Amino acid sequence: MPERGVPLDHRAEAWERLTRAVNQCVKCPLASGRRNVVFGEGDRLSRLLFVGEAPGLEEDEQGIPFVGKAGQLLNRIFEAADIDRKDIFITNVVKCRPPGNRVPSIEEMLACEDFLKAQIALINPSILVCLGMTSTKWILKTGESISRVRGKWFDWKGIKVMPMFHPSFLLRNQSK
């Protein structure tokens, strides 16, 4: 796994190796049911990284993170915050869709952990936004609920981390 802050002249080669490794991965049963690996998308030199939980059906079909209804809401959130999606990087804790859009298991997250760590190291963001409880618990190793930690800053290995509700949670709970 690359160290955080990989020199620019080595990043392209490291990204190529990482992309190949993720695309060839068969470390867990999710690989057998996937249509596409959902590696991530965006500016690989961005200072802002968003990490969600796992791909959904539409993401699995297109191979792009956050393209379904949750992604449409996330795009509206970006617009409201004057953030251009092409200027950030978005990925998930796991790169393949869990059946029925269930929460990924510990084993599935462990299978993808080195991939996520490598993405974080290569991007070397200043700010990492955890979208939802799964990515928040996985990255910050916290047992606190998303309601208690959202909107608060944390430090993780020198990176500022901000947990927020997952867009799919917001869609399910619009009346609250």
C-alpha atoms as a PDB file:
ATOM      1  CA  MET A   1       0.000   0.000   0.000  1.00  0.00           C
ATOM      2  CA  PRO A   2       1.396   3.433  -0.883  1.00  0.00           C
ATOM      3  CA  GLU A   3       2.304   5.848   1.858  1.00  0.00           C
ATOM      4  CA  ARG A   4       0.265   9.007   2.267  1.00  0.00           C
ATOM      5  CA  GLY A   5       1.560  11.792   0.065  1.00  0.00           C
ATOM      6  CA  VAL A   6       2.949   9.697  -2.817  1.00  0.00           C
ATOM      7  CA  PRO A   7       5.112  11.921  -5.079  1.00  0.00           C
ATOM      8  CA  LEU A   8       3.258  13.093  -8.184  1.00  0.00           C
ATOM      9  CA  ASP A   9       5.625  11.329 -10.585  1.00  0.00           C
ATOM     10  CA  HIS A  10       4.748   7.953  -9.023  1.00  0.00           C
ATOM     11  CA  ARG A  11       0.996   8.464  -8.643  1.00  0.00           C
ATOM     12  CA  ALA A  12      -0.090   7.576 -12.192  1.00  0.00           C
ATOM     13  CA  GLU A  13       1.677   4.222 -12.025  1.00  0.00           C
ATOM     14  CA  ALA A  14       0.332   3.557  -8.525  1.00  0.00           C
ATOM     15  CA  TRP A  15      -3.225   4.423  -9.648  1.00  0.00           C
ATOM     16  CA  GLU A  16      -2.888   2.041 -12.587  1.00  0.00           C
ATOM     17  CA  ARG A  17      -1.733  -0.802 -10.319  1.00  0.00           C
ATOM     18  CA  LEU A  18      -4.486  -0.090  -7.797  1.00  0.00           C
ATOM     19  CA  THR A  19      -7.207   0.075 -10.449  1.00  0.00           C
ATOM     20  CA  ARG A  20      -6.025  -3.223 -11.918  1.00  0.00           C
ATOM     21  CA  ALA A  21      -5.950  -4.877  -8.474  1.00  0.00           C
ATOM     22  CA  VAL A  22      -9.482  -3.700  -7.634  1.00  0.00           C
ATOM     23  CA  ASN A  23     -10.847  -4.804 -11.017  1.00  0.00           C
ATOM     24  CA  GLN A  24      -9.304  -8.275 -10.588  1.00  0.00           C
ATOM     25  CA  CYS A  25     -10.294  -8.682  -6.934  1.00  0.00           C
ATOM     26  CA  VAL A  26     -12.065 -11.867  -5.850  1.00  0.00           C
ATOM     27  CA  LYS A  27     -11.312 -11.578  -2.096  1.00  0.00           C
ATOM     28  CA  CYS A  28     -14.960 -11.857  -1.056  1.00  0.00           C
ATOM     29  CA  PRO A  29     -18.252 -13.266  -2.394  1.00  0.00           C
ATOM     30  CA  LEU A  30     -19.382  -9.832  -3.652  1.00  0.00           C
ATOM     31  CA  ALA A  31     -17.050 -10.252  -6.641  1.00  0.00           C
ATOM     32  CA  SER A  32     -19.136 -13.101  -8.042  1.00  0.00           C
ATOM     33  CA  GLY A  33     -22.328 -11.027  -8.103  1.00  0.00           C
ATOM     34  CA  ARG A  34     -21.025  -7.745  -9.422  1.00  0.00           C
ATOM     35  CA  ARG A  35     -21.639  -6.346 -12.858  1.00  0.00           C
ATOM     36  CA  ASN A  36     -18.972  -3.661 -12.447  1.00  0.00           C
ATOM     37  CA  VAL A  37     -16.405  -2.707  -9.865  1.00  0.00           C
ATOM     38  CA  VAL A  38     -17.216   0.788  -8.617  1.00  0.00           C
ATOM     39  CA  PHE A  39     -13.700   2.057  -8.026  1.00  0.00           C
ATOM     40  CA  GLY A  40     -14.427   5.734  -7.557  1.00  0.00           C
ATOM     41  CA  GLU A  41     -14.569   8.847  -9.681  1.00  0.00           C
ATOM     42  CA  GLY A  42     -13.231  12.359  -9.783  1.00  0.00           C
ATOM     43  CA  ASP A  43     -10.111  14.427  -9.424  1.00  0.00           C
ATOM     44  CA  ARG A  44      -7.315  12.219  -8.132  1.00  0.00           C
ATOM     45  CA  LEU A  45      -5.461  15.306  -6.899  1.00  0.00           C
ATOM     46  CA  SER A  46      -8.461  16.708  -5.043  1.00  0.00           C
ATOM     47  CA  ARG A  47      -8.098  18.004  -1.511  1.00  0.00           C
ATOM     48  CA  LEU A  48     -11.669  16.818  -0.845  1.00  0.00           C
ATOM     49  CA  LEU A  49     -12.584  13.112  -0.681  1.00  0.00           C
ATOM     50  CA  PHE A  50     -16.080  11.704  -0.110  1.00  0.00           C
ATOM     51  CA  VAL A  51     -16.421   8.088   1.079  1.00  0.00           C
ATOM     52  CA  GLY A  52     -19.766   6.298   1.040  1.00  0.00           C
ATOM     53  CA  GLU A  53     -20.803   2.796   2.016  1.00  0.00           C
ATOM     54  CA  ALA A  54     -21.174   0.593  -1.073  1.00  0.00           C
ATOM     55  CA  PRO A  55     -22.480   0.736  -4.635  1.00  0.00           C
ATOM     56  CA  GLY A  56     -26.196   0.319  -5.267  1.00  0.00           C
ATOM     57  CA  LEU A  57     -27.904  -1.218  -8.282  1.00  0.00           C
ATOM     58  CA  GLU A  58     -27.439   1.770 -10.601  1.00  0.00           C
ATOM     59  CA  GLU A  59     -23.837   2.213  -9.508  1.00  0.00           C
ATOM     60  CA  ASP A  60     -23.155  -1.482 -10.185  1.00  0.00           C
ATOM     61  CA  GLU A  61     -24.717  -1.157 -13.643  1.00  0.00           C
ATOM     62  CA  GLN A  62     -22.711   1.964 -14.566  1.00  0.00           C
ATOM     63  CA  GLY A  63     -19.501   1.422 -12.582  1.00  0.00           C
ATOM     64  CA  ILE A  64     -19.744   4.971 -11.197  1.00  0.00           C
ATOM     65  CA  PRO A  65     -20.408   5.933  -7.548  1.00  0.00           C
ATOM     66  CA  PHE A  66     -23.497   7.883  -6.512  1.00  0.00           C
ATOM     67  CA  VAL A  67     -25.483   7.918  -9.766  1.00  0.00           C
ATOM     68  CA  GLY A  68     -28.850   6.744  -8.379  1.00  0.00           C
ATOM     69  CA  LYS A  69     -31.345   8.750  -6.332  1.00  0.00           C
ATOM     70  CA  ALA A  70     -28.857   9.225  -3.476  1.00  0.00           C
ATOM     71  CA  GLY A  71     -26.308  10.458  -5.999  1.00  0.00           C
ATOM     72  CA  GLN A  72     -28.798  12.913  -7.452  1.00  0.00           C
ATOM     73  CA  LEU A  73     -29.399  14.321  -3.965  1.00  0.00           C
ATOM     74  CA  LEU A  74     -25.641  14.437  -3.345  1.00  0.00           C
ATOM     75  CA  ASN A  75     -25.223  16.405  -6.586  1.00  0.00           C
ATOM     76  CA  ARG A  76     -27.820  18.920  -5.353  1.00  0.00           C
ATOM     77  CA  ILE A  77     -25.928  19.189  -2.055  1.00  0.00           C
ATOM     78  CA  PHE A  78     -22.722  19.832  -4.012  1.00  0.00           C
ATOM     79  CA  GLU A  79     -24.454  22.534  -6.071  1.00  0.00           C
ATOM     80  CA  ALA A  80     -25.766  24.228  -2.919  1.00  0.00           C
ATOM     81  CA  ALA A  81     -22.240  24.187  -1.467  1.00  0.00           C
ATOM     82  CA  ASP A  82     -20.749  25.465  -4.755  1.00  0.00           C
ATOM     83  CA  ILE A  83     -18.763  22.240  -5.193  1.00  0.00           C
ATOM     84  CA  ASP A  84     -18.202  20.916  -8.705  1.00  0.00           C
ATOM     85  CA  ARG A  85     -18.355  17.115  -8.658  1.00  0.00           C
ATOM     86  CA  LYS A  86     -15.488  16.874 -11.143  1.00  0.00           C
ATOM     87  CA  ASP A  87     -13.233  18.720  -8.662  1.00  0.00           C
ATOM     88  CA  ILE A  88     -13.572  16.134  -5.880  1.00  0.00           C
ATOM     89  CA  PHE A  89     -13.093  12.371  -5.599  1.00  0.00           C
ATOM     90  CA  ILE A  90     -15.909  10.033  -4.532  1.00  0.00           C
ATOM     91  CA  THR A  91     -15.542   6.375  -3.578  1.00  0.00           C
ATOM     92  CA  ASN A  92     -17.034   3.783  -1.226  1.00  0.00           C
ATOM     93  CA  VAL A  93     -15.767   1.568   1.580  1.00  0.00           C
ATOM     94  CA  VAL A  94     -16.521  -1.486  -0.594  1.00  0.00           C
ATOM     95  CA  LYS A  95     -16.201  -1.507  -4.362  1.00  0.00           C
ATOM     96  CA  CYS A  96     -18.863  -4.121  -5.230  1.00  0.00           C
ATOM     97  CA  ARG A  97     -22.606  -4.084  -4.595  1.00  0.00           C
ATOM     98  CA  PRO A  98     -23.902  -6.124  -1.653  1.00  0.00           C
ATOM     99  CA  PRO A  99     -27.035  -8.113  -2.604  1.00  0.00           C
ATOM    100  CA  GLY A 100     -30.267  -6.281  -1.847  1.00  0.00           C
ATOM    101  CA  ASN A 101     -28.297  -3.119  -1.076  1.00  0.00           C
ATOM    102  CA  ARG A 102     -27.623  -4.397   2.432  1.00  0.00           C
ATOM    103  CA  VAL A 103     -24.877  -2.959   4.631  1.00  0.00           C
ATOM    104  CA  PRO A 104     -21.527  -4.584   3.783  1.00  0.00           C
ATOM    105  CA  SER A 105     -20.303  -7.224   6.220  1.00  0.00           C
ATOM    106  CA  ILE A 106     -17.112  -6.825   8.237  1.00  0.00           C
ATOM    107  CA  GLU A 107     -15.462  -9.445   5.998  1.00  0.00           C
ATOM    108  CA  GLU A 108     -16.436  -7.523   2.853  1.00  0.00           C
ATOM    109  CA  MET A 109     -15.119  -4.270   4.278  1.00  0.00           C
ATOM    110  CA  LEU A 110     -11.888  -5.977   5.319  1.00  0.00           C
ATOM    111  CA  ALA A 111     -11.492  -7.338   1.779  1.00  0.00           C
ATOM    112  CA  CYS A 112     -11.633  -3.767   0.404  1.00  0.00           C
ATOM    113  CA  GLU A 113      -9.809  -2.025   3.245  1.00  0.00           C
ATOM    114  CA  ASP A 114      -6.388  -1.935   1.582  1.00  0.00           C
ATOM    115  CA  PHE A 115      -7.952  -0.531  -1.590  1.00  0.00           C
ATOM    116  CA  LEU A 116      -9.608   2.315   0.314  1.00  0.00           C
ATOM    117  CA  LYS A 117      -6.437   3.032   2.294  1.00  0.00           C
ATOM    118  CA  ALA A 118      -4.459   3.139  -0.958  1.00  0.00           C
ATOM    119  CA  GLN A 119      -6.976   5.529  -2.524  1.00  0.00           C
ATOM    120  CA  ILE A 120      -6.740   7.815   0.508  1.00  0.00           C
ATOM    121  CA  ALA A 121      -2.934   7.680   0.438  1.00  0.00           C
ATOM    122  CA  LEU A 122      -2.765   8.466  -3.276  1.00  0.00           C
ATOM    123  CA  ILE A 123      -5.314  11.281  -3.152  1.00  0.00           C
ATOM    124  CA  ASN A 124      -3.813  12.666   0.056  1.00  0.00           C
ATOM    125  CA  PRO A 125      -6.878  14.813   0.814  1.00  0.00           C
ATOM    126  CA  SER A 126      -7.023  17.657   3.301  1.00  0.00           C
ATOM    127  CA  ILE A 127     -10.645  16.806   4.079  1.00  0.00           C
ATOM    128  CA  LEU A 128     -12.410  13.445   4.029  1.00  0.00           C
ATOM    129  CA  VAL A 129     -16.210  13.438   4.245  1.00  0.00           C
ATOM    130  CA  CYS A 130     -17.739  10.197   5.525  1.00  0.00           C
ATOM    131  CA  LEU A 131     -21.169   9.711   3.980  1.00  0.00           C
ATOM    132  CA  GLY A 132     -23.156   7.758   6.542  1.00  0.00           C
ATOM    133  CA  MET A 133     -22.569   5.503   9.489  1.00  0.00           C
ATOM    134  CA  THR A 134     -20.770   2.680   7.683  1.00  0.00           C
ATOM    135  CA  SER A 135     -17.915   4.809   6.368  1.00  0.00           C
ATOM    136  CA  THR A 136     -17.798   6.840   9.590  1.00  0.00           C
ATOM    137  CA  LYS A 137     -17.490   3.753  11.798  1.00  0.00           C
ATOM    138  CA  TRP A 138     -15.004   2.124   9.441  1.00  0.00           C
ATOM    139  CA  ILE A 139     -12.683   5.098   9.088  1.00  0.00           C
ATOM    140  CA  LEU A 140     -12.939   6.628  12.563  1.00  0.00           C
ATOM    141  CA  LYS A 141     -13.379   3.302  14.401  1.00  0.00           C
ATOM    142  CA  THR A 142     -16.134   4.852  16.484  1.00  0.00           C
ATOM    143  CA  GLY A 143     -19.141   3.276  18.108  1.00  0.00           C
ATOM    144  CA  GLU A 144     -20.974   6.610  18.260  1.00  0.00           C
ATOM    145  CA  SER A 145     -24.137   7.013  16.198  1.00  0.00           C
ATOM    146  CA  ILE A 146     -24.079   9.158  13.076  1.00  0.00           C
ATOM    147  CA  SER A 147     -26.533  11.527  14.787  1.00  0.00           C
ATOM    148  CA  ARG A 148     -23.947  12.239  17.492  1.00  0.00           C
ATOM    149  CA  VAL A 149     -20.892  12.693  15.244  1.00  0.00           C
ATOM    150  CA  ARG A 150     -22.282  14.297  12.092  1.00  0.00           C
ATOM    151  CA  GLY A 151     -21.145  17.836  11.473  1.00  0.00           C
ATOM    152  CA  LYS A 152     -18.189  17.521  13.872  1.00  0.00           C
ATOM    153  CA  TRP A 153     -14.541  17.575  12.850  1.00  0.00           C
ATOM    154  CA  PHE A 154     -12.253  14.657  13.655  1.00  0.00           C
ATOM    155  CA  ASP A 155      -8.600  14.022  12.911  1.00  0.00           C
ATOM    156  CA  TRP A 156      -7.643  10.757  11.230  1.00  0.00           C
ATOM    157  CA  LYS A 157      -3.960  10.309  10.415  1.00  0.00           C
ATOM    158  CA  GLY A 158      -3.534  14.037   9.811  1.00  0.00           C
ATOM    159  CA  ILE A 159      -6.665  14.338   7.659  1.00  0.00           C
ATOM    160  CA  LYS A 160      -9.674  16.363   8.794  1.00  0.00           C
ATOM    161  CA  VAL A 161     -12.734  14.102   8.752  1.00  0.00           C
ATOM    162  CA  MET A 162     -16.348  15.279   8.701  1.00  0.00           C
ATOM    163  CA  PRO A 163     -19.113  12.675   9.067  1.00  0.00           C
ATOM    164  CA  MET A 164     -22.496  13.499   7.555  1.00  0.00           C
ATOM    165  CA  PHE A 165     -25.721  11.666   6.892  1.00  0.00           C
ATOM    166  CA  HIS A 166     -25.703   9.431   3.823  1.00  0.00           C
ATOM    167  CA  PRO A 167     -27.917  10.887   1.069  1.00  0.00           C
ATOM    168  CA  SER A 168     -29.995   7.684   1.015  1.00  0.00           C
ATOM    169  CA  PHE A 169     -30.754   8.193   4.735  1.00  0.00           C
ATOM    170  CA  LEU A 170     -31.896  11.732   3.979  1.00  0.00           C
ATOM    171  CA  LEU A 171     -34.158  10.438   1.200  1.00  0.00           C
ATOM    172  CA  ARG A 172     -35.701   7.827   3.514  1.00  0.00           C
ATOM    173  CA  ASN A 173     -36.240  10.383   6.294  1.00  0.00           C
ATOM    174  CA  GLN A 174     -37.443  13.480   4.449  1.00  0.00           C
ATOM    175  CA  SER A 175     -40.217  14.141   6.946  1.00  0.00           C
ATOM    176  CA  LYS A 176     -37.807  14.540   9.879  1.00  0.00           C
END
